[in-house]
């Protein structure tokens, strides 16, 4: 996503947004954020049919583009009410994920205990459940712009 779009989402002006990013540039490696080239920006502008005309209607500087990780990092850099809420939600999500992972192991132990106590006809059911628990989540295809 572009800096101007994210500034709107985080309820700050683009200038303030970019100042915060530049002041914390060490938090944004190349796989979190990159600056569009003149050619990339020109190509994007040529695809926008409804460009405003007149003084002060266009950007003075090239825009930054942010990846998913960069968007998450922004919530810890910006000081708007929205950014604080996003940051809190990210932390809560990671905490919940950790709890789910811990309960997953507990569930596995309980199933194994039940399996030891059960007879042969339940073994097939337990095998199926264990197979479901062992399935790995397949990684999603990456989307977005490439820095290269």
Protein backbone atom coordinates (compact mmCIF):
# COMPACT_ATOMS: atom_id res chain seq x y z
CA UNK A 1 0.00 0.00 0.00
CA UNK A 2 1.12 3.57 -0.60
CA UNK A 3 2.08 6.02 2.11
CA UNK A 4 -0.79 8.41 1.30
CA UNK A 5 -3.38 5.60 1.51
CA UNK A 6 -1.96 4.34 4.81
CA UNK A 7 -1.80 7.87 6.22
CA UNK A 8 -5.54 8.12 5.60
CA UNK A 9 -6.18 4.76 7.27
CA UNK A 10 -4.09 5.72 10.30
CA UNK A 11 -5.75 9.16 10.38
CA UNK A 12 -2.59 11.26 10.01
CA UNK A 13 -1.41 13.63 7.26
CA UNK A 14 0.92 12.10 4.67
CA UNK A 15 3.68 14.58 5.59
CA UNK A 16 3.49 13.58 9.29
CA UNK A 17 3.30 9.91 8.28
CA UNK A 18 6.48 10.11 6.17
CA UNK A 19 8.33 12.10 8.86
CA UNK A 20 7.58 9.35 11.39
CA UNK A 21 8.82 6.71 8.95
CA UNK A 22 12.04 8.60 8.19
CA UNK A 23 12.70 9.14 11.92
CA UNK A 24 12.36 5.40 12.48
CA UNK A 25 13.88 4.17 9.22
CA UNK A 26 15.79 1.34 10.97
CA UNK A 27 12.40 -0.29 11.67
CA UNK A 28 11.65 -0.56 7.94
CA UNK A 29 14.06 -2.86 6.06
CA UNK A 30 13.65 -3.33 2.31
CA UNK A 31 11.15 -6.17 2.73
CA UNK A 32 8.88 -3.89 4.84
CA UNK A 33 8.95 -0.76 2.66
CA UNK A 34 10.52 0.72 -0.48
CA UNK A 35 10.48 3.97 -2.43
CA UNK A 36 8.89 3.85 -5.86
CA UNK A 37 11.11 4.83 -8.78
CA UNK A 38 10.21 7.75 -11.05
CA UNK A 39 9.26 5.29 -13.79
CA UNK A 40 6.98 3.26 -11.50
CA UNK A 41 5.28 6.40 -10.22
CA UNK A 42 4.87 7.80 -13.74
CA UNK A 43 3.36 4.49 -14.89
CA UNK A 44 0.87 4.58 -12.01
CA UNK A 45 -0.07 8.21 -12.70
CA UNK A 46 -0.62 7.49 -16.39
CA UNK A 47 -3.22 4.88 -15.44
CA UNK A 48 -5.24 7.34 -13.35
CA UNK A 49 -7.64 9.01 -15.78
CA UNK A 50 -9.08 11.57 -13.36
CA UNK A 51 -5.92 13.44 -12.41
CA UNK A 52 -6.54 16.85 -10.85
CA UNK A 53 -5.00 19.82 -12.60
CA UNK A 54 -3.56 22.95 -11.07
CA UNK A 55 -0.97 24.03 -8.57
CA UNK A 56 -0.53 21.84 -5.48
CA UNK A 57 -2.54 18.93 -6.86
CA UNK A 58 0.34 16.46 -7.25
CA UNK A 59 3.01 14.96 -5.00
CA UNK A 60 6.35 16.67 -4.68
CA UNK A 61 8.17 13.48 -3.62
CA UNK A 62 8.02 9.86 -4.73
CA UNK A 63 5.71 7.68 -2.61
CA UNK A 64 6.70 4.84 -0.32
CA UNK A 65 5.08 1.44 -0.78
CA UNK A 66 4.61 -0.81 2.27
CA UNK A 67 4.37 -4.58 2.55
CA UNK A 68 2.21 -6.40 5.10
CA UNK A 69 5.03 -6.37 7.66
CA UNK A 70 5.62 -2.66 7.07
CA UNK A 71 1.95 -1.89 7.69
CA UNK A 72 2.14 -3.75 11.00
CA UNK A 73 5.33 -1.90 11.98
CA UNK A 74 3.66 1.43 11.27
CA UNK A 75 1.28 0.91 14.15
CA UNK A 76 4.20 1.05 16.58
CA UNK A 77 5.73 4.17 14.99
CA UNK A 78 2.71 6.43 14.50
CA UNK A 79 1.08 8.26 17.40
CA UNK A 80 -2.53 8.56 16.21
CA UNK A 81 -5.43 7.02 18.15
CA UNK A 82 -6.03 4.58 15.27
CA UNK A 83 -2.38 3.49 15.19
CA UNK A 84 -2.47 2.79 18.93
CA UNK A 85 -5.62 0.68 18.52
CA UNK A 86 -4.06 -1.28 15.63
CA UNK A 87 -0.93 -1.93 17.69
CA UNK A 88 -3.02 -3.20 20.64
CA UNK A 89 -4.98 -5.49 18.30
CA UNK A 90 -1.77 -6.92 16.81
CA UNK A 91 -0.43 -7.74 20.28
CA UNK A 92 -3.75 -9.36 21.28
CA UNK A 93 -3.74 -11.43 18.10
CA UNK A 94 -0.22 -12.75 18.74
CA UNK A 95 -1.14 -13.58 22.34
CA UNK A 96 -4.23 -15.48 21.19
CA UNK A 97 -2.15 -17.34 18.59
CA UNK A 98 0.32 -18.42 21.28
CA UNK A 99 -2.57 -19.66 23.46
CA UNK A 100 -3.98 -21.65 20.54
CA UNK A 101 -0.61 -23.25 19.88
CA UNK A 102 -0.29 -24.25 23.55
CA UNK A 103 -3.80 -25.72 23.64
CA UNK A 104 -3.03 -27.65 20.46
CA UNK A 105 -0.29 -29.57 22.29
CA UNK A 106 -2.56 -30.13 25.29
CA UNK A 107 -5.25 -31.52 22.99
CA UNK A 108 -2.73 -33.90 21.42
CA UNK A 109 -1.71 -35.26 24.86
CA UNK A 110 -5.35 -35.83 25.85
CA UNK A 111 -6.05 -37.71 22.62
CA UNK A 112 -3.03 -39.94 23.18
CA UNK A 113 -4.20 -40.71 26.72
CA UNK A 114 -7.66 -41.62 25.46
CA UNK A 115 -6.11 -43.75 22.73
CA UNK A 116 -4.21 -45.83 25.29
CA UNK A 117 -7.43 -46.52 27.17
CA UNK A 118 -9.58 -47.32 24.12
CA UNK A 119 -10.06 -50.49 22.11
CA UNK A 120 -9.20 -51.15 18.44
CA UNK A 121 -12.37 -49.69 16.88
CA UNK A 122 -11.50 -46.22 18.20
CA UNK A 123 -7.90 -46.41 17.04
CA UNK A 124 -8.94 -45.51 13.47
CA UNK A 125 -10.75 -42.41 14.72
CA UNK A 126 -7.77 -41.38 16.79
CA UNK A 127 -5.45 -41.88 13.81
CA UNK A 128 -7.63 -39.58 11.70
CA UNK A 129 -7.69 -36.91 14.40
CA UNK A 130 -3.90 -37.09 14.81
CA UNK A 131 -3.46 -36.77 11.04
CA UNK A 132 -5.59 -33.63 11.09
CA UNK A 133 -3.53 -32.18 13.92
CA UNK A 134 -0.28 -32.98 12.09
CA UNK A 135 -1.26 -31.21 8.85
CA UNK A 136 0.89 -28.19 8.31
CA UNK A 137 -0.65 -24.91 7.19
CA UNK A 138 0.35 -24.35 3.58
CA UNK A 139 2.09 -21.00 3.00
CA UNK A 140 0.12 -18.51 0.99
CA UNK A 141 1.52 -17.05 -2.19
CA UNK A 142 3.17 -13.66 -1.71
CA UNK A 143 1.33 -10.72 -3.19
CA UNK A 144 2.26 -7.11 -3.80
CA UNK A 145 5.19 -5.27 -5.32
CA UNK A 146 8.69 -6.62 -5.61
CA UNK A 147 11.59 -4.39 -4.60
CA UNK A 148 13.73 -5.83 -7.43
